């Protein structure tokens, strides 16, 4: 079982190395589903012995993008490579929740030309025809799909996840994420997925004034609970 930590800080990269996980998904703004992190953060996280896969999503609010948005995302993929990333994470949809073929292919080709791996993120959980989307992503050369089985939490979408594993038949990695914890990790792993994806941060309860948010801390208890349950 491969583990992927979802992180938003240098402390997350340090924790990933400490616990020996294969890769991290590096984002900013996890409270809105993750946005593209800064060059400096990517570069510093890439210094550690864990693969860094960078979120390519510069604006919150769904996954429908204009040509101007795609131009920005292409530049961000190039930036991620220059900063030391191993892969990138994105997903483009049409307004009627189908794969945006042109936009996805543009981004995939950009990434593959730079020898970057590609993860299609939870935009997949919004598509109407998962079977057709899965086949298309395999044909596009995408390396893996991150999914919660089209539910808010992966454990709620477990039957769909099982179906996706069977449909994929090894042609693309299936990674489950959203709400993964020590109480459901084994059940999710038994679906045959290739990887588990989960955040490793918790609030430090120190709220800044004037709406400036709050810092997070590494949740070592959560990490150890999941890893220990799956150490077989």
Protein backbone atom coordinates (compact mmCIF):
# COMPACT_ATOMS: atom_id res chain seq x y z
CA UNK A 1 0.00 0.00 0.00
CA UNK A 2 1.33 3.41 -1.01
CA UNK A 3 0.61 6.37 1.27
CA UNK A 4 0.32 9.95 0.07
CA UNK A 5 0.27 12.76 2.60
CA UNK A 6 -1.66 15.87 1.61
CA UNK A 7 0.40 18.77 2.96
CA UNK A 8 0.59 22.56 2.89
CA UNK A 9 3.84 23.27 4.72
CA UNK A 10 7.52 22.43 5.00
CA UNK A 11 6.68 20.65 8.26
CA UNK A 12 4.51 18.29 6.21
CA UNK A 13 7.45 17.39 3.97
CA UNK A 14 9.62 16.75 7.02
CA UNK A 15 6.94 14.49 8.50
CA UNK A 16 6.64 12.58 5.21
CA UNK A 17 10.37 11.85 5.26
CA UNK A 18 10.22 10.94 8.95
CA UNK A 19 7.46 8.38 8.35
CA UNK A 20 8.96 7.09 5.09
CA UNK A 21 5.96 7.70 2.83
CA UNK A 22 6.36 7.56 -0.94
CA UNK A 23 4.92 10.93 -1.90
CA UNK A 24 3.11 14.08 -0.87
CA UNK A 25 0.51 16.20 -2.61
CA UNK A 26 1.61 19.77 -1.94
CA UNK A 27 -1.05 22.48 -1.89
CA UNK A 28 -1.94 25.80 -0.40
CA UNK A 29 -5.43 26.64 0.85
CA UNK A 30 -6.52 23.14 1.85
CA UNK A 31 -9.74 24.63 3.23
CA UNK A 32 -10.96 25.17 -0.36
CA UNK A 33 -9.75 21.85 -1.75
CA UNK A 34 -6.17 22.92 -2.41
CA UNK A 35 -4.58 25.55 -4.62
CA UNK A 36 -1.18 25.88 -6.30
CA UNK A 37 1.61 26.41 -3.74
CA UNK A 38 4.46 28.87 -4.12
CA UNK A 39 7.71 28.19 -5.95
CA UNK A 40 9.68 28.57 -2.73
CA UNK A 41 7.56 26.05 -0.85
CA UNK A 42 7.81 23.49 -3.67
CA UNK A 43 11.57 23.94 -3.86
CA UNK A 44 12.10 23.51 -0.14
CA UNK A 45 9.80 20.48 0.14
CA UNK A 46 11.58 18.85 -2.79
CA UNK A 47 14.80 18.80 -0.75
CA UNK A 48 13.44 15.94 1.33
CA UNK A 49 13.40 12.26 0.38
CA UNK A 50 9.76 12.09 -0.63
CA UNK A 51 8.22 12.69 -4.06
CA UNK A 52 6.49 16.06 -4.31
CA UNK A 53 3.34 16.19 -6.45
CA UNK A 54 2.08 19.73 -6.87
CA UNK A 55 -1.53 20.90 -7.06
CA UNK A 56 -2.15 22.88 -10.25
CA UNK A 57 -5.26 24.87 -9.42
CA UNK A 58 -4.73 28.62 -9.18
CA UNK A 59 -8.34 29.57 -8.43
CA UNK A 60 -10.98 28.09 -6.16
CA UNK A 61 -14.54 27.26 -7.15
CA UNK A 62 -14.87 24.15 -9.30
CA UNK A 63 -12.87 22.82 -12.22
CA UNK A 64 -14.12 24.68 -15.30
CA UNK A 65 -11.33 26.76 -16.82
CA UNK A 66 -10.99 29.36 -19.56
CA UNK A 67 -8.14 29.42 -22.07
CA UNK A 68 -6.51 32.13 -19.94
CA UNK A 69 -6.75 29.83 -16.92
CA UNK A 70 -5.14 26.97 -18.86
CA UNK A 71 -2.29 29.25 -19.92
CA UNK A 72 -1.65 30.01 -16.24
CA UNK A 73 -1.78 26.32 -15.37
CA UNK A 74 0.72 25.45 -18.11
CA UNK A 75 3.12 28.00 -16.64
CA UNK A 76 2.55 26.63 -13.15
CA UNK A 77 3.38 23.09 -14.35
CA UNK A 78 6.66 24.40 -15.76
CA UNK A 79 7.31 26.23 -12.49
CA UNK A 80 6.65 23.07 -10.48
CA UNK A 81 9.15 21.12 -12.58
CA UNK A 82 11.78 23.81 -12.20
CA UNK A 83 11.25 23.82 -8.44
CA UNK A 84 11.88 20.06 -8.22
CA UNK A 85 8.45 18.43 -8.38
CA UNK A 86 8.05 14.77 -9.35
CA UNK A 87 4.46 15.18 -10.51
CA UNK A 88 1.48 17.48 -10.86
CA UNK A 89 -2.17 17.19 -9.86
CA UNK A 90 -5.07 18.71 -11.78
CA UNK A 91 -8.41 18.09 -13.47
CA UNK A 92 -10.49 20.06 -15.98
CA UNK A 93 -14.23 19.66 -16.55
CA UNK A 94 -16.85 21.12 -18.85
CA UNK A 95 -19.82 23.00 -17.38
CA UNK A 96 -21.91 19.83 -17.75
CA UNK A 97 -19.42 17.72 -15.75
CA UNK A 98 -17.67 15.90 -18.54
CA UNK A 99 -13.93 15.77 -19.09
CA UNK A 100 -12.65 18.88 -20.88
CA UNK A 101 -10.61 16.95 -23.42
CA UNK A 102 -8.75 19.89 -24.94
CA UNK A 103 -7.70 21.44 -21.63
CA UNK A 104 -6.73 18.14 -19.99
CA UNK A 105 -4.69 17.00 -22.99
CA UNK A 106 -2.90 20.36 -23.10
CA UNK A 107 -1.89 20.07 -19.45
CA UNK A 108 -1.05 16.37 -19.67
CA UNK A 109 1.19 16.86 -22.69
CA UNK A 110 2.94 19.76 -20.94
CA UNK A 111 3.59 17.59 -17.89
CA UNK A 112 4.69 14.51 -19.81
CA UNK A 113 7.09 16.55 -21.96
CA UNK A 114 8.74 17.52 -18.66
CA UNK A 115 8.77 13.90 -17.39
CA UNK A 116 6.26 14.69 -14.67
CA UNK A 117 3.71 12.19 -13.39
CA UNK A 118 0.05 13.22 -13.60
CA UNK A 119 -2.66 12.70 -11.01
CA UNK A 120 -6.25 13.55 -11.96
CA UNK A 121 -7.68 14.86 -8.72
CA UNK A 122 -11.16 14.83 -7.23
CA UNK A 123 -12.63 16.65 -10.19
CA UNK A 124 -13.19 13.00 -11.12
CA UNK A 125 -15.83 12.81 -8.37
CA UNK A 126 -18.00 15.27 -10.31
CA UNK A 127 -18.08 13.46 -13.68
CA UNK A 128 -21.36 11.87 -14.75
CA UNK A 129 -19.95 8.80 -16.52
CA UNK A 130 -17.08 7.44 -14.43
CA UNK A 131 -16.45 4.47 -16.73
CA UNK A 132 -16.03 6.65 -19.83
CA UNK A 133 -13.91 9.16 -17.92
CA UNK A 134 -11.67 6.41 -16.57
CA UNK A 135 -11.10 5.00 -20.05
CA UNK A 136 -10.29 8.44 -21.43
CA UNK A 137 -7.80 9.19 -18.65
CA UNK A 138 -6.04 5.89 -19.29
CA UNK A 139 -5.84 6.75 -22.98
CA UNK A 140 -4.52 10.22 -22.15
CA UNK A 141 -1.64 8.66 -20.20
CA UNK A 142 -2.67 9.85 -16.73
CA UNK A 143 -0.83 7.96 -13.99
CA UNK A 144 -3.48 7.93 -11.26
CA UNK A 145 -6.91 9.10 -10.17
CA UNK A 146 -7.68 10.49 -6.72
CA UNK A 147 -11.27 9.75 -5.76
CA UNK A 148 -13.70 9.54 -2.87
CA UNK A 149 -16.03 7.39 -4.94
CA UNK A 150 -18.13 10.45 -5.76
CA UNK A 151 -19.17 10.90 -2.13
CA UNK A 152 -18.11 13.42 0.50
CA UNK A 153 -15.99 10.77 2.24
CA UNK A 154 -14.21 7.81 0.66
CA UNK A 155 -15.74 5.30 3.04
CA UNK A 156 -19.20 6.42 1.84
CA UNK A 157 -18.14 5.86 -1.78
CA UNK A 158 -16.44 2.54 -1.17
CA UNK A 159 -18.64 0.54 -3.56
CA UNK A 160 -17.85 2.94 -6.41
CA UNK A 161 -14.16 2.76 -5.52
CA UNK A 162 -14.31 -1.04 -5.76
CA UNK A 163 -15.91 -0.74 -9.20
CA UNK A 164 -13.23 1.71 -10.36
CA UNK A 165 -10.46 -0.65 -9.25
CA UNK A 166 -12.04 -3.45 -11.29
CA UNK A 167 -12.59 -1.22 -14.32
CA UNK A 168 -9.04 0.12 -14.18
CA UNK A 169 -7.62 -3.42 -14.15
CA UNK A 170 -4.12 -2.08 -13.57
CA UNK A 171 -4.31 0.41 -16.43
CA UNK A 172 -4.22 3.38 -14.06
CA UNK A 173 -3.64 3.73 -10.33
CA UNK A 174 -6.69 4.31 -8.14
CA UNK A 175 -6.04 6.33 -4.98
CA UNK A 176 -8.72 6.84 -2.33
CA UNK A 177 -8.92 10.07 -0.40
CA UNK A 178 -11.21 12.19 1.80
CA UNK A 179 -11.98 11.31 5.38
CA UNK A 180 -9.35 8.57 5.61
CA UNK A 181 -8.58 7.68 9.21
CA UNK A 182 -7.45 4.78 11.38
CA UNK A 183 -10.98 3.41 11.70
CA UNK A 184 -11.61 3.01 7.96
CA UNK A 185 -8.13 2.64 6.44
CA UNK A 186 -8.18 -1.18 6.41
CA UNK A 187 -11.64 -1.36 4.85
CA UNK A 188 -10.58 1.07 2.12
CA UNK A 189 -7.33 -0.81 1.51
CA UNK A 190 -9.25 -4.05 0.98
CA UNK A 191 -10.93 -2.57 -2.11
CA UNK A 192 -7.68 -3.18 -3.99
CA UNK A 193 -6.72 0.48 -4.35
CA UNK A 194 -3.12 1.35 -5.09
CA UNK A 195 -2.80 4.17 -2.55
CA UNK A 196 -4.39 6.05 0.34
CA UNK A 197 -4.35 9.84 0.43
CA UNK A 198 -4.96 11.86 3.59
CA UNK A 199 -4.22 15.19 5.20
CA UNK A 200 -1.81 15.20 8.14
CA UNK A 201 -2.53 18.61 9.62
CA UNK A 202 -4.72 19.76 12.47
CA UNK A 203 -5.57 23.25 13.68
CA UNK A 204 -3.33 24.67 16.37
CA UNK A 205 -6.35 26.70 17.58
CA UNK A 206 -4.44 29.98 17.37
CA UNK A 207 -6.75 32.17 15.27
CA UNK A 208 -5.24 35.38 13.93
CA UNK A 209 -7.21 38.59 14.24
CA UNK A 210 -8.79 40.44 11.31
CA UNK A 211 -9.70 37.22 9.52
CA UNK A 212 -6.12 36.13 8.82
CA UNK A 213 -6.79 32.45 9.51
CA UNK A 214 -4.83 30.09 11.71
CA UNK A 215 -1.72 27.97 11.48
CA UNK A 216 -1.79 24.18 11.50
CA UNK A 217 0.31 21.55 13.22
CA UNK A 218 1.28 18.01 12.21
CA UNK A 219 -1.17 15.42 13.53
CA UNK A 220 1.25 12.64 14.43
CA UNK A 221 -1.49 10.69 16.18
CA UNK A 222 -3.50 10.44 12.96
CA UNK A 223 -0.44 9.44 10.93
CA UNK A 224 0.64 6.73 13.35
CA UNK A 225 -2.91 5.44 13.70
CA UNK A 226 -3.31 4.91 9.94
CA UNK A 227 0.19 3.58 9.27
CA UNK A 228 0.07 1.21 12.21
CA UNK A 229 -3.28 -0.22 11.09
CA UNK A 230 -1.84 -1.01 7.66
CA UNK A 231 1.58 -2.27 8.66
CA UNK A 232 1.00 -5.80 7.36
